[in-house]
C-alpha cells in the first residue's frame, strides 16, 4: 500500500509545492529510504511497500519559507505495524506552526 504525504501551506491557503522531504527508517539508527519533493499539489508518494517499524519524515520547511520561519524543519516520527495498510501523513504548515494526523 505505501506511505504518502500531502503538505498544505495554511498561511497561503494552498498546497505547498517544492517542499524537500526525507523519509528514514529506524534500524538502530535512521537510514534514508527516500528523498523527494512535493509536486504542484503538495503531494509526494514516499514508499510503495514499507516494512513494519519506525519511520521519520523530515520536511525542509526552512527552505520552503525561504528562512522566514520559526521551524527550519519539521520531523514526524511514526510506527507502521501493518505494512498491508496505506499510511498517509499530511502536514499543515505555516511559518509559525504546524500540525499533522494520520490521513487516508
N, C-alpha and C. Protein backbone atom coordinates (compact mmCIF):
# COMPACT_ATOMS: atom_id res chain seq x y z
N UNK A 1 0.81 -1.20 0.00
CA UNK A 1 0.00 0.00 0.00
C UNK A 1 0.85 1.26 0.00
N UNK A 2 1.75 1.42 0.97
CA UNK A 2 2.69 2.52 0.87
C UNK A 2 2.56 3.62 1.90
N UNK A 3 3.46 4.60 1.72
CA UNK A 3 3.50 5.80 2.55
C UNK A 3 3.43 7.00 1.62
N UNK A 4 2.56 7.95 1.96
CA UNK A 4 2.46 9.18 1.16
C UNK A 4 2.29 10.36 2.11
N UNK A 5 2.46 11.56 1.55
CA UNK A 5 2.27 12.78 2.33
C UNK A 5 1.63 13.84 1.46
N UNK A 6 1.09 14.85 2.10
CA UNK A 6 0.47 15.99 1.43
C UNK A 6 0.76 17.19 2.32
N UNK A 7 1.40 18.21 1.78
CA UNK A 7 1.76 19.39 2.57
C UNK A 7 0.88 20.56 2.13
N UNK A 8 0.20 21.15 3.11
CA UNK A 8 -0.66 22.31 2.85
C UNK A 8 -0.12 23.51 3.61
N UNK A 9 0.06 24.61 2.89
CA UNK A 9 0.55 25.86 3.47
C UNK A 9 -0.66 26.63 3.97
N UNK A 10 -0.91 26.57 5.27
CA UNK A 10 -2.11 27.22 5.82
C UNK A 10 -1.99 28.75 5.82
N UNK A 11 -0.79 29.29 5.70
CA UNK A 11 -0.64 30.74 5.64
C UNK A 11 -1.05 31.30 4.29
N UNK A 12 -1.03 30.46 3.27
CA UNK A 12 -1.42 30.88 1.92
C UNK A 12 -2.72 30.22 1.46
N UNK A 13 -3.16 29.21 2.20
CA UNK A 13 -4.40 28.53 1.85
C UNK A 13 -4.29 27.70 0.58
N UNK A 14 -3.11 27.08 0.37
CA UNK A 14 -2.93 26.27 -0.83
C UNK A 14 -1.86 25.20 -0.59
N UNK A 15 -1.76 24.24 -1.52
CA UNK A 15 -0.72 23.21 -1.38
C UNK A 15 0.67 23.83 -1.39
N UNK A 16 1.58 23.19 -0.67
CA UNK A 16 2.97 23.64 -0.61
C UNK A 16 3.78 22.85 -1.63
N UNK A 17 4.02 23.44 -2.76
CA UNK A 17 4.79 22.80 -3.84
C UNK A 17 6.28 22.99 -3.61
N UNK A 18 7.06 21.96 -3.94
CA UNK A 18 8.51 22.07 -3.89
C UNK A 18 9.14 21.89 -2.52
N UNK A 19 8.39 21.35 -1.55
CA UNK A 19 8.97 21.10 -0.22
C UNK A 19 9.86 19.87 -0.31
N UNK A 20 11.12 20.01 0.09
CA UNK A 20 12.04 18.88 0.09
C UNK A 20 11.73 17.99 1.30
N UNK A 21 11.70 16.67 1.04
CA UNK A 21 11.29 15.71 2.06
C UNK A 21 12.26 14.54 2.09
N UNK A 22 12.56 14.08 3.30
CA UNK A 22 13.38 12.88 3.51
C UNK A 22 12.57 11.88 4.33
N UNK A 23 12.52 10.63 3.86
CA UNK A 23 11.91 9.55 4.62
C UNK A 23 13.03 8.65 5.10
N UNK A 24 13.01 8.33 6.41
CA UNK A 24 14.04 7.46 7.00
C UNK A 24 13.38 6.31 7.75
N UNK A 25 14.11 5.21 7.85
CA UNK A 25 13.65 4.02 8.57
C UNK A 25 14.64 3.73 9.69
N UNK A 26 14.13 3.43 10.89
CA UNK A 26 14.98 3.19 12.05
C UNK A 26 15.42 1.73 12.10
N UNK A 27 16.73 1.53 11.93
CA UNK A 27 17.34 0.20 12.04
C UNK A 27 18.44 0.25 13.08
N UNK A 28 18.11 0.83 14.24
CA UNK A 28 19.12 1.05 15.27
C UNK A 28 19.78 2.40 15.07
N UNK A 29 19.31 3.16 14.18
CA UNK A 29 19.73 4.48 13.72
C UNK A 29 18.93 4.72 12.44
N UNK A 30 18.63 5.95 12.13
CA UNK A 30 17.79 6.22 10.97
C UNK A 30 18.60 6.17 9.68
N UNK A 31 18.10 5.42 8.70
CA UNK A 31 18.69 5.32 7.37
C UNK A 31 17.72 5.90 6.35
N UNK A 32 18.24 6.67 5.39
CA UNK A 32 17.41 7.29 4.37
C UNK A 32 16.82 6.23 3.45
N UNK A 33 15.50 6.31 3.27
CA UNK A 33 14.76 5.42 2.38
C UNK A 33 14.40 6.15 1.08
N UNK A 34 14.06 7.44 1.21
CA UNK A 34 13.58 8.20 0.06
C UNK A 34 13.88 9.68 0.24
N UNK A 35 14.28 10.32 -0.86
CA UNK A 35 14.42 11.78 -0.92
C UNK A 35 13.52 12.25 -2.05
N UNK A 36 12.83 13.34 -1.85
CA UNK A 36 11.97 13.86 -2.92
C UNK A 36 11.46 15.23 -2.56
N UNK A 37 10.55 15.72 -3.38
CA UNK A 37 9.90 16.99 -3.08
C UNK A 37 8.47 16.96 -3.57
N UNK A 38 7.64 17.76 -2.92
CA UNK A 38 6.22 17.75 -3.25
C UNK A 38 5.98 18.30 -4.65
N UNK A 39 4.92 17.77 -5.28
CA UNK A 39 4.54 18.23 -6.61
C UNK A 39 3.70 19.51 -6.50
N UNK A 40 3.12 19.96 -7.59
CA UNK A 40 2.37 21.21 -7.60
C UNK A 40 1.12 21.15 -6.72
N UNK A 41 0.67 19.94 -6.39
CA UNK A 41 -0.48 19.77 -5.49
C UNK A 41 -0.03 19.51 -4.05
N UNK A 42 1.27 19.63 -3.78
CA UNK A 42 1.79 19.43 -2.43
C UNK A 42 1.90 17.98 -2.00
N UNK A 43 1.87 17.05 -2.98
CA UNK A 43 1.86 15.62 -2.65
C UNK A 43 3.17 14.93 -3.03
N UNK A 44 3.46 13.85 -2.30
CA UNK A 44 4.62 13.02 -2.62
C UNK A 44 4.35 11.61 -2.11
N UNK A 45 4.56 10.64 -2.99
CA UNK A 45 4.49 9.22 -2.61
C UNK A 45 5.91 8.83 -2.19
N UNK A 46 6.05 8.32 -0.97
CA UNK A 46 7.37 8.10 -0.39
C UNK A 46 7.86 6.67 -0.47
N UNK A 47 6.97 5.70 -0.33
CA UNK A 47 7.37 4.30 -0.34
C UNK A 47 6.20 3.45 -0.79
N UNK A 48 6.46 2.49 -1.66
CA UNK A 48 5.41 1.62 -2.18
C UNK A 48 5.12 0.44 -1.26
N UNK A 49 6.15 -0.19 -0.73
CA UNK A 49 5.97 -1.38 0.10
C UNK A 49 6.84 -1.29 1.36
N UNK A 50 6.43 -0.47 2.32
CA UNK A 50 7.23 -0.35 3.54
C UNK A 50 7.15 -1.61 4.38
N UNK A 51 8.10 -1.76 5.25
CA UNK A 51 8.06 -2.86 6.22
C UNK A 51 7.62 -2.31 7.57
N UNK A 52 7.25 -3.20 8.45
CA UNK A 52 6.87 -2.79 9.80
C UNK A 52 8.07 -2.14 10.48
N UNK A 53 7.81 -1.12 11.29
CA UNK A 53 8.88 -0.45 12.03
C UNK A 53 8.63 1.04 12.17
N UNK A 54 9.64 1.72 12.65
CA UNK A 54 9.55 3.16 12.93
C UNK A 54 10.17 3.95 11.78
N UNK A 55 9.43 4.97 11.33
CA UNK A 55 9.85 5.84 10.23
C UNK A 55 9.87 7.29 10.72
N UNK A 56 10.64 8.11 10.00
CA UNK A 56 10.65 9.55 10.26
C UNK A 56 10.60 10.26 8.91
N UNK A 57 9.67 11.21 8.81
CA UNK A 57 9.61 12.09 7.64
C UNK A 57 10.08 13.47 8.09
N UNK A 58 11.07 14.02 7.38
CA UNK A 58 11.55 15.36 7.69
C UNK A 58 11.24 16.27 6.52
N UNK A 59 10.57 17.37 6.81
CA UNK A 59 10.17 18.37 5.82
C UNK A 59 11.09 19.58 5.94
N UNK A 60 11.68 20.01 4.85
CA UNK A 60 12.58 21.18 4.86
C UNK A 60 11.72 22.44 4.75
N UNK A 61 11.12 22.82 5.86
CA UNK A 61 10.25 23.99 5.88
C UNK A 61 11.04 25.30 5.84
N UNK A 62 12.28 25.27 6.30
CA UNK A 62 13.12 26.47 6.24
C UNK A 62 13.37 26.91 4.82
N UNK A 63 13.71 25.96 3.96
CA UNK A 63 13.93 26.28 2.55
C UNK A 63 12.63 26.71 1.88
N UNK A 64 11.54 26.01 2.18
CA UNK A 64 10.24 26.35 1.59
C UNK A 64 9.83 27.78 1.94
N UNK A 65 9.99 28.17 3.20
CA UNK A 65 9.61 29.51 3.63
C UNK A 65 10.75 30.51 3.47
N UNK A 66 11.81 30.10 2.78
CA UNK A 66 12.97 30.96 2.50
C UNK A 66 13.56 31.56 3.77
N UNK A 67 13.64 30.73 4.82
CA UNK A 67 14.26 31.15 6.06
C UNK A 67 13.37 31.99 6.97
N UNK A 68 12.19 32.34 6.51
CA UNK A 68 11.29 33.19 7.30
C UNK A 68 10.31 32.32 8.08
N UNK A 69 10.85 31.47 8.96
CA UNK A 69 10.03 30.57 9.75
C UNK A 69 10.70 30.27 11.08
N UNK A 70 9.89 29.96 12.06
CA UNK A 70 10.40 29.56 13.37
C UNK A 70 10.88 28.11 13.35
N UNK A 71 10.34 27.32 12.42
CA UNK A 71 10.66 25.89 12.32
C UNK A 71 11.43 25.62 11.02
N UNK A 72 12.77 25.56 11.06
CA UNK A 72 13.54 25.32 9.85
C UNK A 72 13.32 23.92 9.26
N UNK A 73 12.89 22.99 10.11
CA UNK A 73 12.49 21.68 9.62
C UNK A 73 11.42 21.13 10.54
N UNK A 74 10.61 20.26 9.98
CA UNK A 74 9.56 19.60 10.74
C UNK A 74 9.75 18.11 10.58
N UNK A 75 9.90 17.39 11.68
CA UNK A 75 10.10 15.94 11.62
C UNK A 75 8.92 15.24 12.29
N UNK A 76 8.40 14.23 11.61
CA UNK A 76 7.30 13.44 12.14
C UNK A 76 7.76 11.99 12.20
N UNK A 77 7.73 11.42 13.39
CA UNK A 77 8.12 10.03 13.60
C UNK A 77 6.85 9.22 13.85
N UNK A 78 6.73 8.08 13.17
CA UNK A 78 5.54 7.25 13.29
C UNK A 78 5.92 5.79 13.14
N UNK A 79 5.01 4.91 13.56
CA UNK A 79 5.28 3.48 13.51
C UNK A 79 4.28 2.75 12.63
N UNK A 80 4.79 1.90 11.76
CA UNK A 80 3.95 1.04 10.93
C UNK A 80 3.92 -0.34 11.58
N UNK A 81 2.71 -0.78 11.90
CA UNK A 81 2.56 -2.12 12.48
C UNK A 81 2.02 -3.10 11.46
N UNK A 82 1.25 -2.60 10.50
CA UNK A 82 0.65 -3.47 9.48
C UNK A 82 1.02 -2.92 8.10
N UNK A 83 2.07 -3.45 7.47
CA UNK A 83 2.52 -2.93 6.18
C UNK A 83 1.52 -3.09 5.04
N UNK A 84 0.46 -3.87 5.23
CA UNK A 84 -0.54 -4.04 4.17
C UNK A 84 -1.47 -2.83 4.08
N UNK A 85 -1.44 -1.94 5.07
CA UNK A 85 -2.27 -0.73 5.06
C UNK A 85 -1.53 0.41 4.36
N UNK A 86 -2.29 1.45 3.98
CA UNK A 86 -1.69 2.66 3.43
C UNK A 86 -1.51 3.66 4.58
N UNK A 87 -0.37 4.33 4.60
CA UNK A 87 -0.06 5.32 5.62
C UNK A 87 0.12 6.67 4.96
N UNK A 88 -0.86 7.57 5.17
CA UNK A 88 -0.82 8.92 4.62
C UNK A 88 -0.56 9.86 5.79
N UNK A 89 0.52 10.66 5.68
CA UNK A 89 0.94 11.54 6.77
C UNK A 89 0.94 12.98 6.27
N UNK A 90 -0.20 13.68 6.39
CA UNK A 90 -0.28 15.07 5.94
C UNK A 90 0.40 16.02 6.92
N UNK A 91 0.86 17.15 6.39
CA UNK A 91 1.43 18.22 7.20
C UNK A 91 0.73 19.51 6.84
N UNK A 92 0.15 20.16 7.84
CA UNK A 92 -0.42 21.50 7.68
C UNK A 92 0.60 22.44 8.30
N UNK A 93 1.10 23.39 7.53
CA UNK A 93 2.24 24.18 8.00
C UNK A 93 2.06 25.67 7.68
N UNK A 94 2.58 26.49 8.57
CA UNK A 94 2.71 27.93 8.36
C UNK A 94 4.08 28.31 8.92
N UNK A 95 4.52 29.55 8.75
CA UNK A 95 5.84 29.91 9.27
C UNK A 95 5.98 29.75 10.79
N UNK A 96 4.86 29.74 11.52
CA UNK A 96 4.97 29.71 12.97
C UNK A 96 4.15 28.61 13.63
N UNK A 97 3.79 27.58 12.89
CA UNK A 97 3.07 26.47 13.48
C UNK A 97 2.86 25.34 12.47
N UNK A 98 2.57 24.17 13.00
CA UNK A 98 2.27 23.03 12.13
C UNK A 98 1.43 22.01 12.90
N UNK A 99 0.74 21.17 12.14
CA UNK A 99 0.01 20.04 12.73
C UNK A 99 0.02 18.89 11.73
N UNK A 100 -0.27 17.72 12.25
CA UNK A 100 -0.27 16.52 11.42
C UNK A 100 -1.29 15.54 11.98
N UNK A 101 -1.58 14.51 11.21
CA UNK A 101 -2.50 13.46 11.63
C UNK A 101 -2.31 12.28 10.69
N UNK A 102 -2.90 11.14 11.02
CA UNK A 102 -2.86 10.01 10.09
C UNK A 102 -4.06 10.16 9.17
N UNK A 103 -3.77 10.38 7.91
CA UNK A 103 -4.83 10.52 6.92
C UNK A 103 -5.17 9.21 6.28
N UNK A 104 -5.94 9.31 5.20
CA UNK A 104 -6.35 8.08 4.49
C UNK A 104 -5.93 8.13 3.04
